[in-house]
C-alpha cells in the first residue's frame, strides 16, 4: 500500500492530459482493494502506448489482469469543463472585440483556473478587457447548448466555420456548433457556476512577437475570487471609514500620510 505506479486499462473514462488540459483524477476499485488515480497521461512512445493512469494503492494489491471499476472525480471534471468552455467563449469574445486577426497560440485548462495565449500586436486597454469580460459572461448567461456532430473534415471545412483547433482523426472530425461545454449537461454546469471571469488576474506579454496571455477563473473559482476581492474592499472601506465607491479616492491620500509618518522617524534618526 502507498506505492505509486502507472496503470494501463483496456478501456478508460479518464481524460489524458492533452492540448494544455490537465488529466482527470479519480479512483480504481476492485474486490478487496482501492487505488487513487493522481493523474492521467497519454503515452505515445515506449513499449506500452495509450492512457497511463498514475495511481497510488490505498488498500489491497493491484495485480495484472485485475478487473477494476474506474471512476472519475465528477466535481473536478466539471470544474475543468467550465474552464475549458471559458477558453472557447473567450476566444470568440476576443475576435468580436479585437477583430479576426486574433489567433489562439496556446492554453492551459485546469480545475481552478485557465490561461489563454493569443497573438495581438499590443496589450489590451482596460476598456477592451471590460468589453471582452462582459461578452464572455453574457454568453454564460445565455446558457448555450453544445451540439456535437461527427462529419468528414471536408464537409466541416465547406461550412466556412472550420478551425484547425477542432478535434479530428484522419478524414473525420468531431465538430461542435457552440462552445458551451463538454457533454449534455455542460451548459447547466456553467450556468450553475455563476459566471466566468474572463481576464481575471490580468494580462501580460509572453514574448516580443506580440503574444498575449489572459488568465481567467470560472464557476466556483470565480465566485471565490469575487468573495476575496469584496472582503478586501470591505476591510479597506472599514479602515478608511468610507463607502465602497469612495475607497479609490480616499486611499491615495491615506497612503501618502502613512508613508510620510513612516519616513519621519527614519529621517530623524539620520539627523542624529
C-alpha atoms as a PDB file:
ATOM      1  CA  UNK A   1       0.000   0.000   0.000  1.00  0.00           C
ATOM      2  CA  UNK A   2       1.066   3.543  -0.668  1.00  0.00           C
ATOM      3  CA  UNK A   3       3.034   2.553  -3.756  1.00  0.00           C
ATOM      4  CA  UNK A   4       2.658   4.585  -6.959  1.00  0.00           C
ATOM      5  CA  UNK A   5       2.868   3.186 -10.457  1.00  0.00           C
ATOM      6  CA  UNK A   6       1.457   3.601 -13.947  1.00  0.00           C
ATOM      7  CA  UNK A   7      -1.661   1.537 -14.638  1.00  0.00           C
ATOM      8  CA  UNK A   8      -2.967   0.782 -18.132  1.00  0.00           C
ATOM      9  CA  UNK A   9      -6.598  -0.209 -18.724  1.00  0.00           C
ATOM     10  CA  UNK A  10      -8.176  -1.764 -21.795  1.00  0.00           C
ATOM     11  CA  UNK A  11     -10.913   0.912 -21.631  1.00  0.00           C
ATOM     12  CA  UNK A  12     -10.911   4.084 -19.544  1.00  0.00           C
ATOM     13  CA  UNK A  13     -13.257   7.013 -18.771  1.00  0.00           C
ATOM     14  CA  UNK A  14     -10.266   9.184 -17.751  1.00  0.00           C
ATOM     15  CA  UNK A  15      -9.230  12.101 -19.923  1.00  0.00           C
ATOM     16  CA  UNK A  16      -5.477  12.090 -20.507  1.00  0.00           C
ATOM     17  CA  UNK A  17      -3.543  15.349 -20.307  1.00  0.00           C
ATOM     18  CA  UNK A  18      -3.537  16.835 -23.780  1.00  0.00           C
ATOM     19  CA  UNK A  19      -3.626  20.172 -25.563  1.00  0.00           C
ATOM     20  CA  UNK A  20      -2.934  22.106 -22.389  1.00  0.00           C
ATOM     21  CA  UNK A  21      -5.772  20.493 -20.436  1.00  0.00           C
ATOM     22  CA  UNK A  22      -4.870  18.578 -17.293  1.00  0.00           C
ATOM     23  CA  UNK A  23      -5.705  14.912 -16.931  1.00  0.00           C
ATOM     24  CA  UNK A  24      -8.552  13.502 -14.851  1.00  0.00           C
ATOM     25  CA  UNK A  25      -8.195  12.146 -11.333  1.00  0.00           C
ATOM     26  CA  UNK A  26     -10.389   9.649  -9.513  1.00  0.00           C
ATOM     27  CA  UNK A  27     -10.305   6.085  -8.209  1.00  0.00           C
ATOM     28  CA  UNK A  28      -9.837   2.475  -9.252  1.00  0.00           C
ATOM     29  CA  UNK A  29     -11.571  -0.129  -7.127  1.00  0.00           C
ATOM     30  CA  UNK A  30     -11.619  -3.905  -7.197  1.00  0.00           C
ATOM     31  CA  UNK A  31     -12.577  -6.710  -4.880  1.00  0.00           C
ATOM     32  CA  UNK A  32     -10.593  -6.092  -1.713  1.00  0.00           C
ATOM     33  CA  UNK A  33      -8.709  -3.072  -2.995  1.00  0.00           C
ATOM     34  CA  UNK A  34      -8.747   0.583  -3.963  1.00  0.00           C
ATOM     35  CA  UNK A  35      -6.313   2.999  -5.612  1.00  0.00           C
ATOM     36  CA  UNK A  36      -6.336   6.750  -6.127  1.00  0.00           C
ATOM     37  CA  UNK A  37      -5.713   7.968  -9.667  1.00  0.00           C
ATOM     38  CA  UNK A  38      -3.499  11.052  -9.298  1.00  0.00           C
ATOM     39  CA  UNK A  39      -3.149  11.877 -12.987  1.00  0.00           C
ATOM     40  CA  UNK A  40      -3.753  10.503 -16.455  1.00  0.00           C
ATOM     41  CA  UNK A  41      -1.156  10.831 -19.215  1.00  0.00           C
ATOM     42  CA  UNK A  42      -1.107   9.920 -22.894  1.00  0.00           C
ATOM     43  CA  UNK A  43       1.895   7.705 -23.615  1.00  0.00           C
ATOM     44  CA  UNK A  44       2.899   7.962 -27.272  1.00  0.00           C
ATOM     45  CA  UNK A  45       6.383   6.451 -27.063  1.00  0.00           C
ATOM     46  CA  UNK A  46       7.737   3.343 -25.436  1.00  0.00           C
ATOM     47  CA  UNK A  47       6.746  -0.311 -25.334  1.00  0.00           C
ATOM     48  CA  UNK A  48       3.242   0.469 -23.994  1.00  0.00           C
ATOM     49  CA  UNK A  49       1.131   3.189 -25.551  1.00  0.00           C
ATOM     50  CA  UNK A  50      -2.190   4.640 -24.515  1.00  0.00           C
ATOM     51  CA  UNK A  51      -3.587   6.237 -21.380  1.00  0.00           C
ATOM     52  CA  UNK A  52      -1.330   5.799 -18.390  1.00  0.00           C
ATOM     53  CA  UNK A  53      -3.043   6.269 -15.024  1.00  0.00           C
ATOM     54  CA  UNK A  54      -0.649   7.354 -12.279  1.00  0.00           C
ATOM     55  CA  UNK A  55      -2.163   5.508  -9.350  1.00  0.00           C
ATOM     56  CA  UNK A  56      -1.405   5.053  -5.662  1.00  0.00           C
ATOM     57  CA  UNK A  57      -2.692   1.892  -4.000  1.00  0.00           C
ATOM     58  CA  UNK A  58      -4.610   2.725  -0.819  1.00  0.00           C
ATOM     59  CA  UNK A  59      -5.921  -0.763   0.003  1.00  0.00           C
ATOM     60  CA  UNK A  60      -5.042  -4.262  -1.119  1.00  0.00           C
ATOM     61  CA  UNK A  61      -2.853  -5.272  -4.061  1.00  0.00           C
ATOM     62  CA  UNK A  62      -3.440  -4.413  -7.708  1.00  0.00           C
ATOM     63  CA  UNK A  63      -2.389  -7.275  -9.976  1.00  0.00           C
ATOM     64  CA  UNK A  64      -2.069  -7.540 -13.742  1.00  0.00           C
ATOM     65  CA  UNK A  65      -5.359  -8.693 -15.277  1.00  0.00           C
ATOM     66  CA  UNK A  66      -7.454  -7.466 -12.324  1.00  0.00           C
ATOM     67  CA  UNK A  67     -10.982  -6.285 -13.174  1.00  0.00           C
ATOM     68  CA  UNK A  68     -11.418  -2.777 -11.804  1.00  0.00           C
ATOM     69  CA  UNK A  69     -14.104  -0.118 -11.634  1.00  0.00           C
ATOM     70  CA  UNK A  70     -12.746   3.215 -12.824  1.00  0.00           C
ATOM     71  CA  UNK A  71     -14.428   6.376 -11.530  1.00  0.00           C
ATOM     72  CA  UNK A  72     -13.546   9.953 -12.456  1.00  0.00           C
ATOM     73  CA  UNK A  73     -13.781  12.688  -9.797  1.00  0.00           C
ATOM     74  CA  UNK A  74     -17.011  14.344 -11.024  1.00  0.00           C
ATOM     75  CA  UNK A  75     -16.621  17.706  -9.273  1.00  0.00           C
ATOM     76  CA  UNK A  76     -13.079  18.205 -10.530  1.00  0.00           C
ATOM     77  CA  UNK A  77     -14.021  17.222 -14.073  1.00  0.00           C
ATOM     78  CA  UNK A  78     -16.970  19.645 -14.007  1.00  0.00           C
ATOM     79  CA  UNK A  79     -14.648  22.444 -12.865  1.00  0.00           C
ATOM     80  CA  UNK A  80     -12.224  21.625 -15.692  1.00  0.00           C
ATOM     81  CA  UNK A  81     -15.115  21.573 -18.182  1.00  0.00           C
ATOM     82  CA  UNK A  82     -16.172  25.066 -17.115  1.00  0.00           C
ATOM     83  CA  UNK A  83     -12.686  26.412 -17.689  1.00  0.00           C
ATOM     84  CA  UNK A  84     -12.428  24.529 -20.994  1.00  0.00           C
ATOM     85  CA  UNK A  85     -15.665  26.161 -22.112  1.00  0.00           C
ATOM     86  CA  UNK A  86     -14.418  29.533 -20.896  1.00  0.00           C
ATOM     87  CA  UNK A  87     -11.427  29.399 -23.266  1.00  0.00           C
ATOM     88  CA  UNK A  88     -13.768  28.918 -26.248  1.00  0.00           C
ATOM     89  CA  UNK A  89     -16.049  31.734 -25.123  1.00  0.00           C
ATOM     90  CA  UNK A  90     -13.043  33.974 -24.521  1.00  0.00           C
ATOM     91  CA  UNK A  91     -11.621  33.253 -27.978  1.00  0.00           C
ATOM     92  CA  UNK A  92     -14.917  34.237 -29.563  1.00  0.00           C
ATOM     93  CA  UNK A  93     -15.198  37.391 -27.434  1.00  0.00           C
ATOM     94  CA  UNK A  94     -11.639  38.442 -28.308  1.00  0.00           C
ATOM     95  CA  UNK A  95     -12.280  38.075 -32.037  1.00  0.00           C
ATOM     96  CA  UNK A  96     -15.545  40.004 -31.759  1.00  0.00           C
ATOM     97  CA  UNK A  97     -13.811  42.788 -29.841  1.00  0.00           C
ATOM     98  CA  UNK A  98     -10.376  42.984 -31.476  1.00  0.00           C
ATOM     99  CA  UNK A  99     -11.017  41.510 -34.906  1.00  0.00           C
ATOM    100  CA  UNK A 100     -10.451  38.291 -36.813  1.00  0.00           C
ATOM    101  CA  UNK A 101      -6.670  38.687 -36.635  1.00  0.00           C
ATOM    102  CA  UNK A 102      -6.720  37.244 -33.099  1.00  0.00           C
ATOM    103  CA  UNK A 103      -5.282  33.720 -33.267  1.00  0.00           C
ATOM    104  CA  UNK A 104      -5.002  31.284 -30.374  1.00  0.00           C
ATOM    105  CA  UNK A 105      -1.398  30.334 -29.589  1.00  0.00           C
ATOM    106  CA  UNK A 106      -1.904  28.043 -26.631  1.00  0.00           C
ATOM    107  CA  UNK A 107      -3.838  27.481 -23.439  1.00  0.00           C
ATOM    108  CA  UNK A 108      -3.825  25.825 -20.054  1.00  0.00           C
ATOM    109  CA  UNK A 109      -7.036  24.384 -18.630  1.00  0.00           C
ATOM    110  CA  UNK A 110      -7.272  23.215 -15.028  1.00  0.00           C
ATOM    111  CA  UNK A 111      -9.932  22.914 -12.322  1.00  0.00           C
ATOM    112  CA  UNK A 112      -9.105  26.223 -10.610  1.00  0.00           C
ATOM    113  CA  UNK A 113      -8.044  28.478 -13.486  1.00  0.00           C
ATOM    114  CA  UNK A 114      -7.271  28.672 -17.183  1.00  0.00           C
ATOM    115  CA  UNK A 115      -4.922  30.714 -19.336  1.00  0.00           C
ATOM    116  CA  UNK A 116      -5.387  31.702 -22.958  1.00  0.00           C
ATOM    117  CA  UNK A 117      -2.463  32.754 -25.163  1.00  0.00           C
ATOM    118  CA  UNK A 118      -3.189  34.666 -28.360  1.00  0.00           C
ATOM    119  CA  UNK A 119      -1.415  36.793 -30.927  1.00  0.00           C
ATOM    120  CA  UNK A 120      -2.095  40.519 -30.996  1.00  0.00           C
ATOM    121  CA  UNK A 121       0.314  43.387 -31.705  1.00  0.00           C
ATOM    122  CA  UNK A 122      -0.407  45.312 -28.486  1.00  0.00           C
ATOM    123  CA  UNK A 123      -1.782  44.905 -24.993  1.00  0.00           C
ATOM    124  CA  UNK A 124      -5.499  45.282 -24.346  1.00  0.00           C
ATOM    125  CA  UNK A 125      -6.789  48.509 -22.873  1.00  0.00           C
ATOM    126  CA  UNK A 126      -8.860  48.454 -19.687  1.00  0.00           C
ATOM    127  CA  UNK A 127     -11.960  49.241 -21.740  1.00  0.00           C
ATOM    128  CA  UNK A 128     -11.307  46.376 -24.169  1.00  0.00           C
ATOM    129  CA  UNK A 129     -10.717  43.980 -21.286  1.00  0.00           C
ATOM    130  CA  UNK A 130     -14.032  45.000 -19.747  1.00  0.00           C
ATOM    131  CA  UNK A 131     -15.869  44.532 -23.056  1.00  0.00           C
ATOM    132  CA  UNK A 132     -14.364  41.054 -23.502  1.00  0.00           C
ATOM    133  CA  UNK A 133     -15.286  40.067 -19.949  1.00  0.00           C
ATOM    134  CA  UNK A 134     -18.873  41.264 -20.395  1.00  0.00           C
ATOM    135  CA  UNK A 135     -19.242  39.312 -23.623  1.00  0.00           C
ATOM    136  CA  UNK A 136     -17.947  36.134 -22.020  1.00  0.00           C
ATOM    137  CA  UNK A 137     -20.331  36.483 -19.072  1.00  0.00           C
ATOM    138  CA  UNK A 138     -23.221  37.298 -21.403  1.00  0.00           C
ATOM    139  CA  UNK A 139     -22.548  34.059 -23.290  1.00  0.00           C
ATOM    140  CA  UNK A 140     -22.549  32.158 -19.984  1.00  0.00           C
ATOM    141  CA  UNK A 141     -25.911  33.661 -19.048  1.00  0.00           C
ATOM    142  CA  UNK A 142     -27.285  32.671 -22.465  1.00  0.00           C
ATOM    143  CA  UNK A 143     -26.804  29.058 -21.326  1.00  0.00           C
ATOM    144  CA  UNK A 144     -25.752  27.892 -24.789  1.00  0.00           C
ATOM    145  CA  UNK A 145     -26.342  24.281 -25.726  1.00  0.00           C
ATOM    146  CA  UNK A 146     -23.481  22.421 -27.337  1.00  0.00           C
ATOM    147  CA  UNK A 147     -24.426  20.190 -30.242  1.00  0.00           C
ATOM    148  CA  UNK A 148     -21.703  17.816 -31.402  1.00  0.00           C
ATOM    149  CA  UNK A 149     -21.755  16.319 -34.889  1.00  0.00           C
ATOM    150  CA  UNK A 150     -19.309  13.904 -36.470  1.00  0.00           C
ATOM    151  CA  UNK A 151     -18.622  14.613 -40.130  1.00  0.00           C
ATOM    152  CA  UNK A 152     -15.851  14.395 -42.717  1.00  0.00           C
ATOM    153  CA  UNK A 153     -13.256  17.148 -42.395  1.00  0.00           C
ATOM    154  CA  UNK A 154     -14.005  18.307 -45.943  1.00  0.00           C
ATOM    155  CA  UNK A 155     -17.673  18.812 -45.044  1.00  0.00           C
ATOM    156  CA  UNK A 156     -16.743  20.802 -41.926  1.00  0.00           C
ATOM    157  CA  UNK A 157     -14.390  22.972 -43.985  1.00  0.00           C
ATOM    158  CA  UNK A 158     -17.162  23.609 -46.509  1.00  0.00           C
ATOM    159  CA  UNK A 159     -19.306  25.229 -43.822  1.00  0.00           C
ATOM    160  CA  UNK A 160     -16.794  28.071 -43.589  1.00  0.00           C
ATOM    161  CA  UNK A 161     -16.666  27.734 -39.801  1.00  0.00           C
ATOM    162  CA  UNK A 162     -13.947  25.096 -39.553  1.00  0.00           C
ATOM    163  CA  UNK A 163     -10.958  25.905 -37.370  1.00  0.00           C
ATOM    164  CA  UNK A 164      -7.739  23.916 -37.123  1.00  0.00           C
ATOM    165  CA  UNK A 165      -8.339  23.575 -33.367  1.00  0.00           C
ATOM    166  CA  UNK A 166     -11.328  21.292 -33.955  1.00  0.00           C
ATOM    167  CA  UNK A 167     -10.664  17.697 -32.901  1.00  0.00           C
ATOM    168  CA  UNK A 168     -10.092  15.450 -35.900  1.00  0.00           C
ATOM    169  CA  UNK A 169      -8.919  11.921 -36.596  1.00  0.00           C
ATOM    170  CA  UNK A 170      -7.930  11.067 -40.125  1.00  0.00           C
ATOM    171  CA  UNK A 171     -10.611  12.322 -42.509  1.00  0.00           C
ATOM    172  CA  UNK A 172     -13.291  12.686 -39.804  1.00  0.00           C
ATOM    173  CA  UNK A 173     -13.793  15.299 -37.111  1.00  0.00           C
ATOM    174  CA  UNK A 174     -15.952  15.933 -34.062  1.00  0.00           C
ATOM    175  CA  UNK A 175     -17.319  19.436 -34.555  1.00  0.00           C
ATOM    176  CA  UNK A 176     -19.376  21.443 -32.066  1.00  0.00           C
ATOM    177  CA  UNK A 177     -21.754  24.179 -33.210  1.00  0.00           C
ATOM    178  CA  UNK A 178     -21.296  26.121 -29.967  1.00  0.00           C
ATOM    179  CA  UNK A 179     -18.750  26.170 -27.160  1.00  0.00           C
ATOM    180  CA  UNK A 180     -20.909  25.922 -24.089  1.00  0.00           C
ATOM    181  CA  UNK A 181     -19.115  22.979 -22.549  1.00  0.00           C
ATOM    182  CA  UNK A 182     -18.419  19.268 -22.736  1.00  0.00           C
ATOM    183  CA  UNK A 183     -21.299  16.863 -22.599  1.00  0.00           C
ATOM    184  CA  UNK A 184     -25.067  17.317 -22.486  1.00  0.00           C
ATOM    185  CA  UNK A 185     -25.102  18.937 -19.043  1.00  0.00           C
ATOM    186  CA  UNK A 186     -22.169  21.279 -19.601  1.00  0.00           C
ATOM    187  CA  UNK A 187     -24.329  24.337 -20.248  1.00  0.00           C
ATOM    188  CA  UNK A 188     -26.192  23.814 -16.994  1.00  0.00           C
ATOM    189  CA  UNK A 189     -22.909  23.309 -15.183  1.00  0.00           C
ATOM    190  CA  UNK A 190     -21.619  26.621 -16.468  1.00  0.00           C
ATOM    191  CA  UNK A 191     -24.841  28.388 -15.564  1.00  0.00           C
ATOM    192  CA  UNK A 192     -24.766  26.935 -12.076  1.00  0.00           C
ATOM    193  CA  UNK A 193     -21.170  28.110 -11.769  1.00  0.00           C
ATOM    194  CA  UNK A 194     -22.390  31.721 -11.544  1.00  0.00           C
ATOM    195  CA  UNK A 195     -20.367  33.026 -14.429  1.00  0.00           C
ATOM    196  CA  UNK A 196     -16.916  33.227 -15.945  1.00  0.00           C
ATOM    197  CA  UNK A 197     -14.386  35.902 -15.106  1.00  0.00           C
ATOM    198  CA  UNK A 198     -12.580  36.452 -18.390  1.00  0.00           C
ATOM    199  CA  UNK A 199      -9.280  38.213 -17.888  1.00  0.00           C
ATOM    200  CA  UNK A 200      -9.426  37.977 -14.115  1.00  0.00           C
ATOM    201  CA  UNK A 201      -5.852  38.005 -12.874  1.00  0.00           C
ATOM    202  CA  UNK A 202      -4.642  40.389 -15.568  1.00  0.00           C
ATOM    203  CA  UNK A 203      -2.810  40.074 -18.827  1.00  0.00           C
ATOM    204  CA  UNK A 204       0.879  40.111 -19.742  1.00  0.00           C
ATOM    205  CA  UNK A 205       3.258  39.722 -22.660  1.00  0.00           C
ATOM    206  CA  UNK A 206       4.823  36.303 -23.156  1.00  0.00           C
ATOM    207  CA  UNK A 207       7.449  37.290 -25.689  1.00  0.00           C
ATOM    208  CA  UNK A 208       8.421  40.006 -28.112  1.00  0.00           C
ATOM    209  CA  UNK A 209       6.406  38.624 -31.013  1.00  0.00           C
ATOM    210  CA  UNK A 210       3.111  40.024 -29.736  1.00  0.00           C
ATOM    211  CA  UNK A 211       1.764  37.014 -27.857  1.00  0.00           C
ATOM    212  CA  UNK A 212      -0.584  37.905 -25.002  1.00  0.00           C
ATOM    213  CA  UNK A 213      -1.926  35.873 -22.110  1.00  0.00           C
ATOM    214  CA  UNK A 214      -5.224  36.216 -20.284  1.00  0.00           C
ATOM    215  CA  UNK A 215      -5.790  34.343 -17.050  1.00  0.00           C
ATOM    216  CA  UNK A 216      -9.369  33.596 -16.074  1.00  0.00           C
ATOM    217  CA  UNK A 217     -11.497  31.918 -13.453  1.00  0.00           C
ATOM    218  CA  UNK A 218     -14.813  30.150 -13.980  1.00  0.00           C
ATOM    219  CA  UNK A 219     -17.526  28.696 -11.792  1.00  0.00           C
ATOM    220  CA  UNK A 220     -16.779  28.293  -8.102  1.00  0.00           C
ATOM    221  CA  UNK A 221     -13.220  29.567  -8.583  1.00  0.00           C
ATOM    222  CA  UNK A 222     -14.580  32.876  -9.915  1.00  0.00           C
ATOM    223  CA  UNK A 223     -17.022  33.128  -7.030  1.00  0.00           C
ATOM    224  CA  UNK A 224     -14.201  32.605  -4.531  1.00  0.00           C
ATOM    225  CA  UNK A 225     -12.137  35.332  -6.196  1.00  0.00           C
ATOM    226  CA  UNK A 226     -15.081  37.739  -6.094  1.00  0.00           C
ATOM    227  CA  UNK A 227     -15.664  36.967  -2.429  1.00  0.00           C
ATOM    228  CA  UNK A 228     -11.982  37.524  -1.628  1.00  0.00           C
ATOM    229  CA  UNK A 229     -11.907  40.814  -3.552  1.00  0.00           C
ATOM    230  CA  UNK A 230     -15.081  42.040  -1.876  1.00  0.00           C
ATOM    231  CA  UNK A 231     -13.661  41.075   1.511  1.00  0.00           C
ATOM    232  CA  UNK A 232     -10.512  43.123   0.873  1.00  0.00           C
ATOM    233  CA  UNK A 233     -12.588  46.066  -0.328  1.00  0.00           C
ATOM    234  CA  UNK A 234     -14.790  45.811   2.756  1.00  0.00           C
ATOM    235  CA  UNK A 235     -11.725  45.855   5.031  1.00  0.00           C
ATOM    236  CA  UNK A 236     -10.287  48.879   3.220  1.00  0.00           C
ATOM    237  CA  UNK A 237     -13.610  50.729   3.450  1.00  0.00           C
ATOM    238  CA  UNK A 238     -13.850  49.962   7.155  1.00  0.00           C
ATOM    239  CA  UNK A 239     -10.284  51.190   7.776  1.00  0.00           C
ATOM    240  CA  UNK A 240     -10.953  54.399   5.817  1.00  0.00           C
ATOM    241  CA  UNK A 241     -14.452  54.797   7.262  1.00  0.00           C
ATOM    242  CA  UNK A 242     -15.687  55.195   3.717  1.00  0.00           C
ATOM    243  CA  UNK A 243     -18.241  53.712   1.360  1.00  0.00           C
ATOM    244  CA  UNK A 244     -17.057  51.211  -1.226  1.00  0.00           C
ATOM    245  CA  UNK A 245     -17.210  53.768  -4.050  1.00  0.00           C
ATOM    246  CA  UNK A 246     -15.145  56.237  -2.009  1.00  0.00           C
ATOM    247  CA  UNK A 247     -12.179  53.915  -1.433  1.00  0.00           C
ATOM    248  CA  UNK A 248     -10.309  54.693  -4.707  1.00  0.00           C
ATOM    249  CA  UNK A 249     -10.412  58.436  -3.966  1.00  0.00           C
ATOM    250  CA  UNK A 250      -9.652  58.153  -0.269  1.00  0.00           C
ATOM    251  CA  UNK A 251      -6.870  55.565  -0.457  1.00  0.00           C
ATOM    252  CA  UNK A 252      -4.120  57.655  -2.192  1.00  0.00           C
ATOM    253  CA  UNK A 253      -4.327  60.352   0.470  1.00  0.00           C
ATOM    254  CA  UNK A 254      -4.227  57.789   3.266  1.00  0.00           C
ATOM    255  CA  UNK A 255      -1.227  56.081   1.662  1.00  0.00           C
ATOM    256  CA  UNK A 256       0.644  59.409   1.395  1.00  0.00           C
ATOM    257  CA  UNK A 257       0.019  60.173   5.050  1.00  0.00           C
ATOM    258  CA  UNK A 258       1.125  56.673   6.076  1.00  0.00           C
ATOM    259  CA  UNK A 259       4.326  56.917   4.010  1.00  0.00           C
ATOM    260  CA  UNK A 260       5.060  60.322   5.449  1.00  0.00           C
ATOM    261  CA  UNK A 261       4.626  59.122   9.024  1.00  0.00           C
ATOM    262  CA  UNK A 262       6.798  56.070   8.348  1.00  0.00           C
ATOM    263  CA  UNK A 263       9.515  58.182   6.796  1.00  0.00           C
ATOM    264  CA  UNK A 264       9.588  60.678   9.675  1.00  0.00           C
ATOM    265  CA  UNK A 265      11.413  58.592  12.304  1.00  0.00           C
ATOM    266  CA  UNK A 266      13.931  57.373   9.741  1.00  0.00           C
ATOM    267  CA  UNK A 267      14.851  60.930   8.770  1.00  0.00           C
ATOM    268  CA  UNK A 268      15.026  61.953  12.439  1.00  0.00           C
ATOM    269  CA  UNK A 269      17.399  59.075  13.158  1.00  0.00           C
ATOM    270  CA  UNK A 270      19.607  60.084  10.256  1.00  0.00           C
ATOM    271  CA  UNK A 271      19.878  63.624  11.656  1.00  0.00           C
ATOM    272  CA  UNK A 272      21.362  62.307  14.863  1.00  0.00           C
END
